[in-house]
């Protein structure tokens, strides 16, 4: 199982209606066929860290992760989500013992950026983002 957790907060000035649109898009993304389990809601961690919400989606394995990353619902949803995010931190974990798993996940991410350069640029517009650690 590969679990992707995104802790995030909205940009100042994001309206309640825009927040609802973002959270709805995240819930649609989290419900695509490749996702084994998911949740979207308030972040109840340390408020000093600056995160207000969390998105969690778990997939069974690398092929499921690749399907998830390229699912049309996911691709479409990101255009509703990314412009409203101020701060985001990605945390990934897995019960797969493969020591190369982190590098394989990063390779999938980089391949998606190469295939969809506009998407990669949209990620770069998040003012405070920690998406992945390629040097791992």
N, C-alpha and C. Protein backbone atom coordinates (compact mmCIF):
# COMPACT_ATOMS: atom_id res chain seq x y z
N UNK A 1 0.85 -1.17 0.00
CA UNK A 1 0.00 0.00 0.00
C UNK A 1 0.90 1.23 0.00
N UNK A 2 0.56 2.21 -0.82
CA UNK A 2 1.24 3.50 -0.86
C UNK A 2 0.23 4.55 -0.42
N UNK A 3 0.58 5.28 0.61
CA UNK A 3 -0.32 6.28 1.17
C UNK A 3 0.27 7.67 0.91
N UNK A 4 -0.53 8.54 0.32
CA UNK A 4 -0.14 9.92 0.03
C UNK A 4 -0.97 10.83 0.92
N UNK A 5 -0.30 11.62 1.75
CA UNK A 5 -0.97 12.56 2.63
C UNK A 5 -0.53 13.96 2.24
N UNK A 6 -1.48 14.80 1.94
CA UNK A 6 -1.20 16.21 1.63
C UNK A 6 -1.82 17.08 2.72
N UNK A 7 -0.98 17.72 3.48
CA UNK A 7 -1.46 18.71 4.45
C UNK A 7 -1.38 20.05 3.74
N UNK A 8 -2.43 20.88 3.89
CA UNK A 8 -2.45 22.12 3.12
C UNK A 8 -3.26 23.20 3.83
N UNK A 9 -3.08 24.41 3.34
CA UNK A 9 -3.91 25.54 3.75
C UNK A 9 -4.23 26.36 2.50
N UNK A 10 -5.30 27.10 2.60
CA UNK A 10 -5.77 27.92 1.48
C UNK A 10 -5.09 29.28 1.47
N UNK A 11 -5.02 29.88 0.29
CA UNK A 11 -4.52 31.24 0.16
C UNK A 11 -5.48 32.19 0.85
N UNK A 12 -4.93 33.26 1.41
CA UNK A 12 -5.77 34.31 1.97
C UNK A 12 -6.71 34.81 0.88
N UNK A 13 -7.93 35.09 1.24
CA UNK A 13 -8.90 35.60 0.29
C UNK A 13 -9.70 34.52 -0.42
N UNK A 14 -9.34 33.26 -0.22
CA UNK A 14 -10.12 32.17 -0.81
C UNK A 14 -11.48 32.15 -0.12
N UNK A 15 -12.54 32.25 -0.90
CA UNK A 15 -13.88 32.30 -0.33
C UNK A 15 -14.32 30.93 0.16
N UNK A 16 -15.34 30.91 0.98
CA UNK A 16 -15.89 29.63 1.43
C UNK A 16 -16.38 28.80 0.26
N UNK A 17 -16.97 29.45 -0.74
CA UNK A 17 -17.45 28.73 -1.93
C UNK A 17 -16.28 28.11 -2.69
N UNK A 18 -15.18 28.84 -2.82
CA UNK A 18 -13.99 28.30 -3.49
C UNK A 18 -13.40 27.14 -2.69
N UNK A 19 -13.38 27.26 -1.37
CA UNK A 19 -12.89 26.17 -0.53
C UNK A 19 -13.76 24.92 -0.73
N UNK A 20 -15.08 25.12 -0.77
CA UNK A 20 -15.98 23.99 -1.00
C UNK A 20 -15.71 23.33 -2.35
N UNK A 21 -15.45 24.15 -3.38
CA UNK A 21 -15.14 23.62 -4.71
C UNK A 21 -13.85 22.80 -4.67
N UNK A 22 -12.83 23.31 -3.99
CA UNK A 22 -11.56 22.60 -3.88
C UNK A 22 -11.75 21.27 -3.15
N UNK A 23 -12.43 21.32 -2.01
CA UNK A 23 -12.63 20.08 -1.23
C UNK A 23 -13.47 19.07 -1.99
N UNK A 24 -14.45 19.54 -2.75
CA UNK A 24 -15.25 18.63 -3.58
C UNK A 24 -14.40 17.99 -4.67
N UNK A 25 -13.53 18.79 -5.30
CA UNK A 25 -12.63 18.24 -6.33
C UNK A 25 -11.69 17.21 -5.72
N UNK A 26 -11.22 17.48 -4.52
CA UNK A 26 -10.34 16.52 -3.85
C UNK A 26 -11.09 15.23 -3.53
N UNK A 27 -12.32 15.34 -3.09
CA UNK A 27 -13.10 14.14 -2.78
C UNK A 27 -13.37 13.32 -4.04
N UNK A 28 -13.61 13.99 -5.17
CA UNK A 28 -13.79 13.26 -6.43
C UNK A 28 -12.49 12.54 -6.80
N UNK A 29 -11.38 13.25 -6.69
CA UNK A 29 -10.07 12.65 -7.00
C UNK A 29 -9.81 11.45 -6.11
N UNK A 30 -10.13 11.58 -4.84
CA UNK A 30 -9.88 10.52 -3.87
C UNK A 30 -10.80 9.33 -4.05
N UNK A 31 -11.78 9.45 -4.92
CA UNK A 31 -12.72 8.34 -5.11
C UNK A 31 -12.56 7.63 -6.45
N UNK A 32 -11.47 7.91 -7.18
CA UNK A 32 -11.26 7.22 -8.46
C UNK A 32 -10.97 5.74 -8.19
N UNK A 33 -11.11 4.91 -9.21
CA UNK A 33 -11.05 3.45 -9.05
C UNK A 33 -9.74 2.95 -8.48
N UNK A 34 -8.66 3.64 -8.69
CA UNK A 34 -7.36 3.16 -8.22
C UNK A 34 -7.12 3.40 -6.73
N UNK A 35 -7.97 4.19 -6.10
CA UNK A 35 -7.79 4.51 -4.68
C UNK A 35 -8.45 3.45 -3.81
N UNK A 36 -7.69 2.90 -2.87
CA UNK A 36 -8.20 1.87 -1.96
C UNK A 36 -8.97 2.48 -0.80
N UNK A 37 -8.46 3.58 -0.25
CA UNK A 37 -9.18 4.31 0.79
C UNK A 37 -8.70 5.75 0.80
N UNK A 38 -9.54 6.64 1.35
CA UNK A 38 -9.21 8.05 1.32
C UNK A 38 -10.00 8.81 2.37
N UNK A 39 -9.57 10.02 2.62
CA UNK A 39 -10.32 10.97 3.42
C UNK A 39 -9.84 12.38 3.10
N UNK A 40 -10.73 13.32 3.25
CA UNK A 40 -10.43 14.74 3.03
C UNK A 40 -11.12 15.50 4.16
N UNK A 41 -10.40 16.37 4.83
CA UNK A 41 -11.04 17.12 5.90
C UNK A 41 -10.09 18.03 6.63
N UNK A 42 -10.52 18.44 7.81
CA UNK A 42 -9.73 19.36 8.61
C UNK A 42 -8.44 18.70 9.09
N UNK A 43 -7.39 19.49 9.18
CA UNK A 43 -6.14 19.02 9.75
C UNK A 43 -6.21 19.28 11.25
N UNK A 44 -6.00 18.25 12.03
CA UNK A 44 -6.09 18.41 13.48
C UNK A 44 -4.71 18.28 14.14
N UNK A 45 -3.67 18.53 13.33
CA UNK A 45 -2.31 18.55 13.85
C UNK A 45 -2.01 19.88 14.53
N UNK A 46 -0.76 20.14 14.74
CA UNK A 46 -0.31 21.35 15.43
C UNK A 46 -0.66 22.59 14.58
N UNK A 47 -1.53 23.47 15.09
CA UNK A 47 -1.91 24.68 14.33
C UNK A 47 -0.71 25.56 13.99
N UNK A 48 0.35 25.50 14.79
CA UNK A 48 1.53 26.32 14.53
C UNK A 48 2.21 25.93 13.22
N UNK A 49 1.93 24.73 12.72
CA UNK A 49 2.51 24.31 11.44
C UNK A 49 1.83 24.97 10.25
N UNK A 50 0.66 25.58 10.46
CA UNK A 50 0.01 26.35 9.41
C UNK A 50 -0.86 25.58 8.45
N UNK A 51 -1.18 24.35 8.75
CA UNK A 51 -2.04 23.56 7.87
C UNK A 51 -3.46 23.55 8.43
N UNK A 52 -4.44 23.71 7.55
CA UNK A 52 -5.84 23.72 7.97
C UNK A 52 -6.59 22.48 7.53
N UNK A 53 -6.11 21.81 6.47
CA UNK A 53 -6.81 20.67 5.89
C UNK A 53 -5.81 19.57 5.51
N UNK A 54 -6.34 18.36 5.34
CA UNK A 54 -5.52 17.22 4.93
C UNK A 54 -6.28 16.38 3.90
N UNK A 55 -5.54 15.91 2.93
CA UNK A 55 -6.04 15.00 1.89
C UNK A 55 -5.23 13.72 2.00
N UNK A 56 -5.89 12.60 2.05
CA UNK A 56 -5.21 11.31 2.12
C UNK A 56 -5.82 10.39 1.06
N UNK A 57 -4.94 9.78 0.27
CA UNK A 57 -5.38 8.77 -0.70
C UNK A 57 -4.36 7.64 -0.68
N UNK A 58 -4.85 6.41 -0.59
CA UNK A 58 -3.99 5.24 -0.57
C UNK A 58 -4.28 4.38 -1.79
N UNK A 59 -3.21 3.88 -2.39
CA UNK A 59 -3.33 2.99 -3.55
C UNK A 59 -2.57 1.70 -3.24
N UNK A 60 -2.93 0.64 -3.92
CA UNK A 60 -2.38 -0.68 -3.61
C UNK A 60 -0.90 -0.83 -3.95
N UNK A 61 -0.47 -0.22 -5.07
CA UNK A 61 0.89 -0.48 -5.55
C UNK A 61 1.27 0.56 -6.60
N UNK A 62 2.45 0.41 -7.19
CA UNK A 62 2.92 1.38 -8.19
C UNK A 62 2.01 1.47 -9.42
N UNK A 63 1.54 0.35 -9.99
CA UNK A 63 0.62 0.49 -11.12
C UNK A 63 -0.65 1.27 -10.75
N UNK A 64 -1.17 1.04 -9.55
CA UNK A 64 -2.35 1.80 -9.11
C UNK A 64 -2.00 3.27 -8.93
N UNK A 65 -0.81 3.55 -8.43
CA UNK A 65 -0.38 4.94 -8.27
C UNK A 65 -0.30 5.63 -9.63
N UNK A 66 0.23 4.94 -10.61
CA UNK A 66 0.33 5.54 -11.94
C UNK A 66 -1.06 5.80 -12.53
N UNK A 67 -1.98 4.86 -12.36
CA UNK A 67 -3.35 5.08 -12.84
C UNK A 67 -3.98 6.27 -12.13
N UNK A 68 -3.77 6.34 -10.82
CA UNK A 68 -4.30 7.44 -10.03
C UNK A 68 -3.75 8.79 -10.52
N UNK A 69 -2.46 8.85 -10.74
CA UNK A 69 -1.83 10.11 -11.15
C UNK A 69 -2.32 10.60 -12.51
N UNK A 70 -2.70 9.66 -13.39
CA UNK A 70 -3.10 10.03 -14.75
C UNK A 70 -4.61 9.93 -14.97
N UNK A 71 -5.35 9.63 -13.93
CA UNK A 71 -6.80 9.54 -14.06
C UNK A 71 -7.36 10.90 -14.48
N UNK A 72 -8.23 10.94 -15.48
CA UNK A 72 -8.79 12.22 -15.93
C UNK A 72 -9.46 13.02 -14.82
N UNK A 73 -10.06 12.35 -13.87
CA UNK A 73 -10.69 13.06 -12.75
C UNK A 73 -9.62 13.78 -11.93
N UNK A 74 -8.50 13.11 -11.72
CA UNK A 74 -7.39 13.72 -10.98
C UNK A 74 -6.81 14.90 -11.76
N UNK A 75 -6.55 14.69 -13.03
CA UNK A 75 -5.96 15.74 -13.85
C UNK A 75 -6.88 16.97 -13.90
N UNK A 76 -8.16 16.76 -14.08
CA UNK A 76 -9.11 17.88 -14.15
C UNK A 76 -9.22 18.57 -12.79
N UNK A 77 -9.27 17.79 -11.73
CA UNK A 77 -9.43 18.36 -10.39
C UNK A 77 -8.29 19.26 -9.98
N UNK A 78 -7.08 18.93 -10.40
CA UNK A 78 -5.94 19.75 -10.00
C UNK A 78 -6.08 21.19 -10.47
N UNK A 79 -6.73 21.41 -11.59
CA UNK A 79 -6.90 22.79 -12.08
C UNK A 79 -7.87 23.57 -11.20
N UNK A 80 -8.73 22.89 -10.49
CA UNK A 80 -9.63 23.55 -9.54
C UNK A 80 -8.96 23.72 -8.18
N UNK A 81 -8.01 22.87 -7.89
CA UNK A 81 -7.38 22.82 -6.56
C UNK A 81 -6.16 23.73 -6.46
N UNK A 82 -5.20 23.54 -7.32
CA UNK A 82 -3.88 24.16 -7.18
C UNK A 82 -3.89 25.68 -7.06
N UNK A 83 -4.72 26.41 -7.81
CA UNK A 83 -4.67 27.87 -7.70
C UNK A 83 -5.06 28.42 -6.32
N UNK A 84 -5.66 27.62 -5.49
CA UNK A 84 -6.15 28.10 -4.19
C UNK A 84 -5.28 27.68 -3.01
N UNK A 85 -4.20 26.96 -3.27
CA UNK A 85 -3.38 26.42 -2.20
C UNK A 85 -2.21 27.36 -1.90
N UNK A 86 -2.07 27.72 -0.63
CA UNK A 86 -0.96 28.56 -0.17
C UNK A 86 0.21 27.73 0.33
N UNK A 87 -0.12 26.74 1.12
CA UNK A 87 0.91 25.94 1.80
C UNK A 87 0.54 24.47 1.65
N UNK A 88 1.52 23.65 1.29
CA UNK A 88 1.24 22.22 1.13
C UNK A 88 2.50 21.42 1.45
N UNK A 89 2.29 20.33 2.13
CA UNK A 89 3.38 19.40 2.43
C UNK A 89 2.90 17.99 2.13
N UNK A 90 3.67 17.29 1.33
CA UNK A 90 3.35 15.91 0.98
C UNK A 90 4.12 14.96 1.89
N UNK A 91 3.40 13.99 2.43
CA UNK A 91 4.00 12.92 3.23
C UNK A 91 3.58 11.62 2.57
N UNK A 92 4.54 10.75 2.32
CA UNK A 92 4.21 9.46 1.72
C UNK A 92 4.75 8.36 2.60
N UNK A 93 3.99 7.28 2.68
CA UNK A 93 4.45 6.12 3.43
C UNK A 93 3.96 4.87 2.75
N UNK A 94 4.60 3.75 3.09
CA UNK A 94 4.23 2.50 2.45
C UNK A 94 4.62 1.31 3.32
N UNK A 95 3.87 0.24 3.16
CA UNK A 95 4.23 -1.02 3.80
C UNK A 95 5.06 -1.90 2.85
N UNK A 96 5.36 -1.39 1.66
CA UNK A 96 6.18 -2.11 0.69
C UNK A 96 7.65 -1.98 1.12
N UNK A 97 8.36 -3.08 1.33
CA UNK A 97 9.74 -3.01 1.81
C UNK A 97 10.78 -2.66 0.74
N UNK A 98 10.36 -2.47 -0.50
CA UNK A 98 11.30 -2.18 -1.58
C UNK A 98 12.11 -0.91 -1.25
N UNK A 99 13.44 -1.03 -1.12
CA UNK A 99 14.25 0.15 -0.79
C UNK A 99 14.29 1.19 -1.91
N UNK A 100 13.87 0.80 -3.09
CA UNK A 100 13.86 1.72 -4.23
C UNK A 100 12.49 2.37 -4.45
N UNK A 101 11.54 2.09 -3.56
CA UNK A 101 10.17 2.58 -3.78
C UNK A 101 10.10 4.11 -3.87
N UNK A 102 10.80 4.79 -3.00
CA UNK A 102 10.77 6.26 -3.04
C UNK A 102 11.25 6.78 -4.40
N UNK A 103 12.32 6.21 -4.91
CA UNK A 103 12.84 6.62 -6.22
C UNK A 103 11.85 6.29 -7.33
N UNK A 104 11.17 5.16 -7.22
CA UNK A 104 10.19 4.78 -8.23
C UNK A 104 8.99 5.72 -8.21
N UNK A 105 8.56 6.11 -7.01
CA UNK A 105 7.45 7.07 -6.89
C UNK A 105 7.87 8.41 -7.49
N UNK A 106 9.10 8.85 -7.18
CA UNK A 106 9.60 10.11 -7.74
C UNK A 106 9.69 10.02 -9.25
N UNK A 107 10.09 8.89 -9.79
CA UNK A 107 10.16 8.74 -11.25
C UNK A 107 8.78 8.88 -11.88
N UNK A 108 7.76 8.34 -11.23
CA UNK A 108 6.38 8.51 -11.74
C UNK A 108 5.98 9.98 -11.71
N UNK A 109 6.34 10.67 -10.62
CA UNK A 109 6.03 12.10 -10.51
C UNK A 109 6.73 12.89 -11.63
N UNK A 110 8.02 12.64 -11.82
CA UNK A 110 8.77 13.36 -12.84
C UNK A 110 8.27 13.05 -14.25
N UNK A 111 7.85 11.82 -14.48
CA UNK A 111 7.28 11.46 -15.79
C UNK A 111 5.98 12.21 -16.02
N UNK A 112 5.18 12.38 -14.97
CA UNK A 112 3.93 13.14 -15.11
C UNK A 112 4.23 14.60 -15.41
N UNK A 113 5.21 15.18 -14.72
CA UNK A 113 5.61 16.56 -14.99
C UNK A 113 6.07 16.70 -16.44
N UNK A 114 6.83 15.73 -16.94
CA UNK A 114 7.30 15.78 -18.33
C UNK A 114 6.14 15.66 -19.31
N UNK A 115 5.16 14.81 -18.99
CA UNK A 115 4.03 14.61 -19.88
C UNK A 115 3.06 15.80 -19.85
N UNK A 116 2.93 16.41 -18.68
CA UNK A 116 2.01 17.54 -18.50
C UNK A 116 2.77 18.73 -17.93
N UNK A 117 3.58 19.41 -18.75
CA UNK A 117 4.40 20.50 -18.23
C UNK A 117 3.58 21.64 -17.61
N UNK A 118 2.38 21.89 -18.11
CA UNK A 118 1.54 22.93 -17.51
C UNK A 118 1.16 22.55 -16.08
N UNK A 119 0.93 21.28 -15.85
CA UNK A 119 0.63 20.79 -14.50
C UNK A 119 1.84 20.99 -13.59
N UNK A 120 3.01 20.66 -14.09
CA UNK A 120 4.23 20.86 -13.31
C UNK A 120 4.44 22.32 -12.96
N UNK A 121 4.15 23.20 -13.91
CA UNK A 121 4.27 24.64 -13.64
C UNK A 121 3.23 25.09 -12.62
N UNK A 122 2.04 24.53 -12.68
CA UNK A 122 1.00 24.88 -11.71
C UNK A 122 1.43 24.49 -10.30
N UNK A 123 2.08 23.35 -10.15
CA UNK A 123 2.60 22.96 -8.83
C UNK A 123 3.61 23.99 -8.32
N UNK A 124 4.40 24.52 -9.24
CA UNK A 124 5.44 25.49 -8.86
C UNK A 124 4.84 26.81 -8.38
N UNK A 125 3.57 27.08 -8.69
CA UNK A 125 2.96 28.34 -8.28
C UNK A 125 2.45 28.33 -6.84
N UNK A 126 2.46 27.17 -6.20
CA UNK A 126 2.07 27.11 -4.79
C UNK A 126 3.18 27.77 -3.99
N UNK A 127 2.84 28.87 -3.28
CA UNK A 127 3.90 29.64 -2.61
C UNK A 127 4.75 28.85 -1.62
N UNK A 128 4.13 27.97 -0.84
CA UNK A 128 4.88 27.22 0.17
C UNK A 128 4.57 25.74 -0.02
N UNK A 129 5.34 25.10 -0.90
CA UNK A 129 5.06 23.70 -1.21
C UNK A 129 6.28 22.84 -0.98
N UNK A 130 6.05 21.70 -0.35
CA UNK A 130 7.07 20.67 -0.24
C UNK A 130 6.41 19.41 -0.80
N UNK A 131 6.67 19.16 -2.08
CA UNK A 131 5.99 18.08 -2.79
C UNK A 131 6.73 16.75 -2.62
N UNK A 132 8.03 16.76 -2.84
CA UNK A 132 8.78 15.52 -2.79
C UNK A 132 10.24 15.84 -2.54
N UNK A 133 10.98 14.84 -2.16
CA UNK A 133 12.39 15.00 -1.90
C UNK A 133 13.19 14.16 -2.89
N UNK A 134 13.53 14.75 -4.06
CA UNK A 134 14.24 13.96 -5.08
C UNK A 134 15.62 13.52 -4.65
N UNK A 135 16.21 14.13 -3.65
CA UNK A 135 17.56 13.78 -3.24
C UNK A 135 17.59 12.60 -2.28
N UNK A 136 16.45 12.05 -1.94
CA UNK A 136 16.34 10.98 -0.96
C UNK A 136 17.17 9.80 -1.29
